[in-house]
């Protein structure tokens, strides 16, 4: 079933009365039934031309993302290649940062959009939480529905090798996969690429 993600989320925000000023939503049409993985990053970039689904040449978010996938041994060259593998990329918060950190109020404001967005994919198997904002956002969703966090507190490097589930979804806590500094931080890059490899192995065993 082909759906326009941006239109769906725009309709949802209008229905819920969520302010749309500064919001960037994924501009992509895809077959929702074929998506098996959602990778939730932190926030969209200041420049929409750098976003995952931008039609611009070499969007900033895709430069690092493609490198991480290739280092994980997955041959891709575009966002469409990622979608064709059943992977959907999005952000926990739908507007860029206004400071160093993402305010809790902003996370809470955009949380209904993220929860609705996740629900668009009926055959989802895995959610990768790329960074603390994604982890915090998903824990808020889980706590609202189950009264407990899906991912325990603790540094990502200490907990990432454990297996976490929310209902029938396998969760992988990892690190932010975008930003100019990410490829310089070799230890984080190694952990992200390892998490992507483990995600692929899980899918192969469970689909």
C-alpha atoms as a PDB file:
ATOM      1  CA  UNK A   1       0.000   0.000   0.000  1.00  0.00           C
ATOM      2  CA  UNK A   2       1.668   3.179  -1.205  1.00  0.00           C
ATOM      3  CA  UNK A   3       1.250   6.075   1.212  1.00  0.00           C
ATOM      4  CA  UNK A   4       2.493   9.634   1.283  1.00  0.00           C
ATOM      5  CA  UNK A   5       4.131   9.952   4.695  1.00  0.00           C
ATOM      6  CA  UNK A   6       4.246  13.746   4.704  1.00  0.00           C
ATOM      7  CA  UNK A   7       0.547  14.070   3.828  1.00  0.00           C
ATOM      8  CA  UNK A   8      -0.429  11.514   6.463  1.00  0.00           C
ATOM      9  CA  UNK A   9       1.527  13.298   9.180  1.00  0.00           C
ATOM     10  CA  UNK A  10       0.311  16.725   8.061  1.00  0.00           C
ATOM     11  CA  UNK A  11      -3.291  15.538   8.337  1.00  0.00           C
ATOM     12  CA  UNK A  12      -2.560  14.105  11.782  1.00  0.00           C
ATOM     13  CA  UNK A  13      -0.993  17.317  13.093  1.00  0.00           C
ATOM     14  CA  UNK A  14      -3.951  19.306  11.822  1.00  0.00           C
ATOM     15  CA  UNK A  15      -6.418  16.947  13.485  1.00  0.00           C
ATOM     16  CA  UNK A  16      -4.540  17.127  16.799  1.00  0.00           C
ATOM     17  CA  UNK A  17      -3.953  20.875  16.639  1.00  0.00           C
ATOM     18  CA  UNK A  18      -0.164  20.516  16.772  1.00  0.00           C
ATOM     19  CA  UNK A  19       1.690  23.663  15.743  1.00  0.00           C
ATOM     20  CA  UNK A  20       3.439  23.064  12.423  1.00  0.00           C
ATOM     21  CA  UNK A  21       5.728  26.089  12.387  1.00  0.00           C
ATOM     22  CA  UNK A  22       9.282  24.910  11.673  1.00  0.00           C
ATOM     23  CA  UNK A  23       8.255  21.265  11.364  1.00  0.00           C
ATOM     24  CA  UNK A  24       9.982  19.083   8.775  1.00  0.00           C
ATOM     25  CA  UNK A  25       8.159  15.873   7.858  1.00  0.00           C
ATOM     26  CA  UNK A  26       9.552  13.051   5.674  1.00  0.00           C
ATOM     27  CA  UNK A  27       8.715  13.860   2.044  1.00  0.00           C
ATOM     28  CA  UNK A  28       8.451  10.320   0.773  1.00  0.00           C
ATOM     29  CA  UNK A  29       5.919   7.972  -0.795  1.00  0.00           C
ATOM     30  CA  UNK A  30       6.473   4.302  -0.019  1.00  0.00           C
ATOM     31  CA  UNK A  31       4.816   0.936   0.488  1.00  0.00           C
ATOM     32  CA  UNK A  32       4.144   0.922   4.227  1.00  0.00           C
ATOM     33  CA  UNK A  33       3.626  -2.848   4.284  1.00  0.00           C
ATOM     34  CA  UNK A  34       7.201  -3.474   3.113  1.00  0.00           C
ATOM     35  CA  UNK A  35       8.839  -1.487   5.907  1.00  0.00           C
ATOM     36  CA  UNK A  36      10.375  -3.769   8.520  1.00  0.00           C
ATOM     37  CA  UNK A  37      12.711  -1.306  10.285  1.00  0.00           C
ATOM     38  CA  UNK A  38      12.422   2.257  11.531  1.00  0.00           C
ATOM     39  CA  UNK A  39      15.600   4.109  12.408  1.00  0.00           C
ATOM     40  CA  UNK A  40      14.699   7.073  14.612  1.00  0.00           C
ATOM     41  CA  UNK A  41      17.309   9.828  14.660  1.00  0.00           C
ATOM     42  CA  UNK A  42      17.238  12.952  16.842  1.00  0.00           C
ATOM     43  CA  UNK A  43      15.983  16.036  14.959  1.00  0.00           C
ATOM     44  CA  UNK A  44      15.874  17.285  11.356  1.00  0.00           C
ATOM     45  CA  UNK A  45      18.682  19.540  10.095  1.00  0.00           C
ATOM     46  CA  UNK A  46      18.459  23.316  10.102  1.00  0.00           C
ATOM     47  CA  UNK A  47      18.559  23.263   6.299  1.00  0.00           C
ATOM     48  CA  UNK A  48      15.760  21.053   4.872  1.00  0.00           C
ATOM     49  CA  UNK A  49      18.016  20.383   1.876  1.00  0.00           C
ATOM     50  CA  UNK A  50      20.180  18.256   4.174  1.00  0.00           C
ATOM     51  CA  UNK A  51      17.331  15.993   5.265  1.00  0.00           C
ATOM     52  CA  UNK A  52      17.179  12.245   4.579  1.00  0.00           C
ATOM     53  CA  UNK A  53      14.575  12.581   1.825  1.00  0.00           C
ATOM     54  CA  UNK A  54      15.858  15.799   0.282  1.00  0.00           C
ATOM     55  CA  UNK A  55      16.085  15.930  -3.508  1.00  0.00           C
ATOM     56  CA  UNK A  56      19.241  18.064  -3.197  1.00  0.00           C
ATOM     57  CA  UNK A  57      22.586  16.649  -4.296  1.00  0.00           C
ATOM     58  CA  UNK A  58      24.466  14.982  -1.426  1.00  0.00           C
ATOM     59  CA  UNK A  59      22.182  15.899   1.519  1.00  0.00           C
ATOM     60  CA  UNK A  60      24.201  16.232   4.712  1.00  0.00           C
ATOM     61  CA  UNK A  61      22.201  13.611   6.617  1.00  0.00           C
ATOM     62  CA  UNK A  62      22.678  11.051   3.873  1.00  0.00           C
ATOM     63  CA  UNK A  63      26.451  11.539   3.627  1.00  0.00           C
ATOM     64  CA  UNK A  64      27.017  10.096   7.083  1.00  0.00           C
ATOM     65  CA  UNK A  65      24.173   7.587   6.840  1.00  0.00           C
ATOM     66  CA  UNK A  66      25.446   6.043   3.610  1.00  0.00           C
ATOM     67  CA  UNK A  67      28.955   5.772   5.057  1.00  0.00           C
ATOM     68  CA  UNK A  68      27.674   3.971   8.166  1.00  0.00           C
ATOM     69  CA  UNK A  69      25.640   1.496   6.110  1.00  0.00           C
ATOM     70  CA  UNK A  70      28.553   0.775   3.791  1.00  0.00           C
ATOM     71  CA  UNK A  71      30.894   0.273   6.746  1.00  0.00           C
ATOM     72  CA  UNK A  72      28.357  -2.240   8.034  1.00  0.00           C
ATOM     73  CA  UNK A  73      28.796  -4.182   4.788  1.00  0.00           C
ATOM     74  CA  UNK A  74      25.500  -3.070   3.225  1.00  0.00           C
ATOM     75  CA  UNK A  75      25.817  -1.847  -0.346  1.00  0.00           C
ATOM     76  CA  UNK A  76      23.591   1.207  -0.800  1.00  0.00           C
ATOM     77  CA  UNK A  77      23.945   4.465  -2.699  1.00  0.00           C
ATOM     78  CA  UNK A  78      20.758   6.409  -1.976  1.00  0.00           C
ATOM     79  CA  UNK A  79      17.806   6.812   0.343  1.00  0.00           C
ATOM     80  CA  UNK A  80      15.764   4.771  -2.137  1.00  0.00           C
ATOM     81  CA  UNK A  81      18.184   1.861  -1.713  1.00  0.00           C
ATOM     82  CA  UNK A  82      17.568   2.035   2.043  1.00  0.00           C
ATOM     83  CA  UNK A  83      13.780   2.082   1.547  1.00  0.00           C
ATOM     84  CA  UNK A  84      14.044  -0.863  -0.847  1.00  0.00           C
ATOM     85  CA  UNK A  85      15.640  -2.842   1.989  1.00  0.00           C
ATOM     86  CA  UNK A  86      12.536  -2.201   4.099  1.00  0.00           C
ATOM     87  CA  UNK A  87      14.135   0.508   6.230  1.00  0.00           C
ATOM     88  CA  UNK A  88      12.491   3.858   6.991  1.00  0.00           C
ATOM     89  CA  UNK A  89      14.415   6.804   8.433  1.00  0.00           C
ATOM     90  CA  UNK A  90      12.800   9.489  10.560  1.00  0.00           C
ATOM     91  CA  UNK A  91      13.397  11.763  13.551  1.00  0.00           C
ATOM     92  CA  UNK A  92      11.949  11.715  17.051  1.00  0.00           C
ATOM     93  CA  UNK A  93      11.386  15.469  17.033  1.00  0.00           C
ATOM     94  CA  UNK A  94      10.178  17.076  13.815  1.00  0.00           C
ATOM     95  CA  UNK A  95      11.826  20.499  14.091  1.00  0.00           C
ATOM     96  CA  UNK A  96      15.526  21.450  14.289  1.00  0.00           C
ATOM     97  CA  UNK A  97      17.305  22.176  17.542  1.00  0.00           C
ATOM     98  CA  UNK A  98      17.131  25.707  18.888  1.00  0.00           C
ATOM     99  CA  UNK A  99      20.048  25.150  21.295  1.00  0.00           C
ATOM    100  CA  UNK A 100      22.570  22.524  22.294  1.00  0.00           C
ATOM    101  CA  UNK A 101      19.975  20.130  23.725  1.00  0.00           C
ATOM    102  CA  UNK A 102      16.425  19.206  22.744  1.00  0.00           C
ATOM    103  CA  UNK A 103      14.002  20.434  25.380  1.00  0.00           C
ATOM    104  CA  UNK A 104      11.741  17.893  27.080  1.00  0.00           C
ATOM    105  CA  UNK A 105       8.765  20.079  26.194  1.00  0.00           C
ATOM    106  CA  UNK A 106       9.630  19.818  22.487  1.00  0.00           C
ATOM    107  CA  UNK A 107       9.920  16.033  22.743  1.00  0.00           C
ATOM    108  CA  UNK A 108       6.532  15.831  24.462  1.00  0.00           C
ATOM    109  CA  UNK A 109       4.964  18.175  21.908  1.00  0.00           C
ATOM    110  CA  UNK A 110       6.030  15.998  18.970  1.00  0.00           C
ATOM    111  CA  UNK A 111       5.548  12.639  20.676  1.00  0.00           C
ATOM    112  CA  UNK A 112       2.025  12.057  19.292  1.00  0.00           C
ATOM    113  CA  UNK A 113       3.380  12.497  15.755  1.00  0.00           C
ATOM    114  CA  UNK A 114       6.092   9.894  16.318  1.00  0.00           C
ATOM    115  CA  UNK A 115       3.688   7.391  17.865  1.00  0.00           C
ATOM    116  CA  UNK A 116       1.237   7.827  15.002  1.00  0.00           C
ATOM    117  CA  UNK A 117       4.086   7.566  12.488  1.00  0.00           C
ATOM    118  CA  UNK A 118       5.283   4.260  13.936  1.00  0.00           C
ATOM    119  CA  UNK A 119       1.730   2.956  13.669  1.00  0.00           C
ATOM    120  CA  UNK A 120       1.673   3.527   9.895  1.00  0.00           C
ATOM    121  CA  UNK A 121       3.788   0.391   9.348  1.00  0.00           C
ATOM    122  CA  UNK A 122       1.826  -2.829   9.976  1.00  0.00           C
ATOM    123  CA  UNK A 123       4.730  -5.267   9.437  1.00  0.00           C
ATOM    124  CA  UNK A 124       7.350  -3.542  11.552  1.00  0.00           C
ATOM    125  CA  UNK A 125       9.918  -5.826  13.207  1.00  0.00           C
ATOM    126  CA  UNK A 126      12.669  -3.511  14.494  1.00  0.00           C
ATOM    127  CA  UNK A 127      13.084   0.000  15.811  1.00  0.00           C
ATOM    128  CA  UNK A 128      16.580   1.444  16.064  1.00  0.00           C
ATOM    129  CA  UNK A 129      16.844   4.328  18.523  1.00  0.00           C
ATOM    130  CA  UNK A 130      19.636   6.494  17.225  1.00  0.00           C
ATOM    131  CA  UNK A 131      20.660   8.633  20.179  1.00  0.00           C
ATOM    132  CA  UNK A 132      19.344   9.720  23.561  1.00  0.00           C
ATOM    133  CA  UNK A 133      16.486  11.836  22.208  1.00  0.00           C
ATOM    134  CA  UNK A 134      15.120   8.875  20.269  1.00  0.00           C
ATOM    135  CA  UNK A 135      15.544   6.626  23.288  1.00  0.00           C
ATOM    136  CA  UNK A 136      13.840   9.136  25.569  1.00  0.00           C
ATOM    137  CA  UNK A 137      10.980   9.633  23.114  1.00  0.00           C
ATOM    138  CA  UNK A 138      10.328   5.930  22.713  1.00  0.00           C
ATOM    139  CA  UNK A 139      10.491   5.381  26.459  1.00  0.00           C
ATOM    140  CA  UNK A 140       7.786   8.029  26.864  1.00  0.00           C
ATOM    141  CA  UNK A 141       5.577   6.145  24.410  1.00  0.00           C
ATOM    142  CA  UNK A 142       6.249   2.839  26.152  1.00  0.00           C
ATOM    143  CA  UNK A 143       5.631   4.274  29.616  1.00  0.00           C
ATOM    144  CA  UNK A 144       2.334   5.806  28.526  1.00  0.00           C
ATOM    145  CA  UNK A 145       1.137   2.444  27.222  1.00  0.00           C
ATOM    146  CA  UNK A 146       2.746  -0.050  29.609  1.00  0.00           C
ATOM    147  CA  UNK A 147       3.692   2.037  32.681  1.00  0.00           C
ATOM    148  CA  UNK A 148       7.379   1.167  32.236  1.00  0.00           C
ATOM    149  CA  UNK A 149      10.329   2.116  30.062  1.00  0.00           C
ATOM    150  CA  UNK A 150      11.266  -0.056  27.110  1.00  0.00           C
ATOM    151  CA  UNK A 151      14.981   0.787  27.439  1.00  0.00           C
ATOM    152  CA  UNK A 152      16.560   1.010  30.911  1.00  0.00           C
ATOM    153  CA  UNK A 153      18.578   3.979  32.085  1.00  0.00           C
ATOM    154  CA  UNK A 154      22.293   3.809  31.466  1.00  0.00           C
ATOM    155  CA  UNK A 155      24.961   4.739  28.971  1.00  0.00           C
ATOM    156  CA  UNK A 156      24.261   3.364  25.523  1.00  0.00           C
ATOM    157  CA  UNK A 157      27.622   1.608  25.256  1.00  0.00           C
ATOM    158  CA  UNK A 158      26.841  -0.298  28.452  1.00  0.00           C
ATOM    159  CA  UNK A 159      23.368  -1.521  27.460  1.00  0.00           C
ATOM    160  CA  UNK A 160      23.430  -1.784  23.657  1.00  0.00           C
ATOM    161  CA  UNK A 161      24.467  -5.446  23.551  1.00  0.00           C
ATOM    162  CA  UNK A 162      21.405  -6.523  25.532  1.00  0.00           C
ATOM    163  CA  UNK A 163      18.161  -7.576  23.870  1.00  0.00           C
ATOM    164  CA  UNK A 164      15.169  -5.265  24.325  1.00  0.00           C
ATOM    165  CA  UNK A 165      11.614  -5.719  23.127  1.00  0.00           C
ATOM    166  CA  UNK A 166       8.469  -3.628  23.099  1.00  0.00           C
ATOM    167  CA  UNK A 167       5.446  -5.766  22.331  1.00  0.00           C
ATOM    168  CA  UNK A 168       6.660  -7.680  19.228  1.00  0.00           C
ATOM    169  CA  UNK A 169       9.293  -5.120  18.232  1.00  0.00           C
ATOM    170  CA  UNK A 170      13.018  -5.645  18.732  1.00  0.00           C
ATOM    171  CA  UNK A 171      14.681  -2.464  19.930  1.00  0.00           C
ATOM    172  CA  UNK A 172      18.287  -1.473  19.287  1.00  0.00           C
ATOM    173  CA  UNK A 173      19.566   1.514  21.308  1.00  0.00           C
ATOM    174  CA  UNK A 174      22.407   3.139  19.380  1.00  0.00           C
ATOM    175  CA  UNK A 175      23.908   6.555  18.616  1.00  0.00           C
ATOM    176  CA  UNK A 176      22.957   9.558  16.477  1.00  0.00           C
ATOM    177  CA  UNK A 177      23.858   8.732  12.881  1.00  0.00           C
ATOM    178  CA  UNK A 178      24.107  12.266  11.502  1.00  0.00           C
ATOM    179  CA  UNK A 179      26.220  15.357  12.072  1.00  0.00           C
ATOM    180  CA  UNK A 180      29.596  16.586  10.932  1.00  0.00           C
ATOM    181  CA  UNK A 181      31.474  15.054  13.843  1.00  0.00           C
ATOM    182  CA  UNK A 182      30.035  11.551  13.824  1.00  0.00           C
ATOM    183  CA  UNK A 183      32.530  10.093  11.337  1.00  0.00           C
ATOM    184  CA  UNK A 184      35.402  11.500  13.399  1.00  0.00           C
ATOM    185  CA  UNK A 185      34.221   9.640  16.500  1.00  0.00           C
ATOM    186  CA  UNK A 186      35.581   6.267  15.460  1.00  0.00           C
ATOM    187  CA  UNK A 187      34.377   4.328  18.501  1.00  0.00           C
ATOM    188  CA  UNK A 188      30.789   5.486  18.022  1.00  0.00           C
ATOM    189  CA  UNK A 189      30.976   4.754  14.308  1.00  0.00           C
ATOM    190  CA  UNK A 190      32.096   1.204  15.050  1.00  0.00           C
ATOM    191  CA  UNK A 191      29.203   0.710  17.475  1.00  0.00           C
ATOM    192  CA  UNK A 192      26.635   2.137  15.042  1.00  0.00           C
ATOM    193  CA  UNK A 193      27.845  -0.045  12.180  1.00  0.00           C
ATOM    194  CA  UNK A 194      27.828  -3.057  14.506  1.00  0.00           C
ATOM    195  CA  UNK A 195      24.250  -2.235  15.532  1.00  0.00           C
ATOM    196  CA  UNK A 196      23.209  -1.994  11.872  1.00  0.00           C
ATOM    197  CA  UNK A 197      24.814  -5.386  11.189  1.00  0.00           C
ATOM    198  CA  UNK A 198      23.037  -6.923  14.183  1.00  0.00           C
ATOM    199  CA  UNK A 199      19.749  -5.438  13.017  1.00  0.00           C
ATOM    200  CA  UNK A 200      20.219  -7.041   9.599  1.00  0.00           C
ATOM    201  CA  UNK A 201      21.053 -10.400  11.176  1.00  0.00           C
ATOM    202  CA  UNK A 202      17.946 -10.217  13.357  1.00  0.00           C
ATOM    203  CA  UNK A 203      15.773  -9.509  10.320  1.00  0.00           C
ATOM    204  CA  UNK A 204      17.233 -12.401   8.387  1.00  0.00           C
ATOM    205  CA  UNK A 205      16.405 -14.758  11.246  1.00  0.00           C
ATOM    206  CA  UNK A 206      12.942 -13.386  11.944  1.00  0.00           C
ATOM    207  CA  UNK A 207      11.362 -12.679   8.570  1.00  0.00           C
END
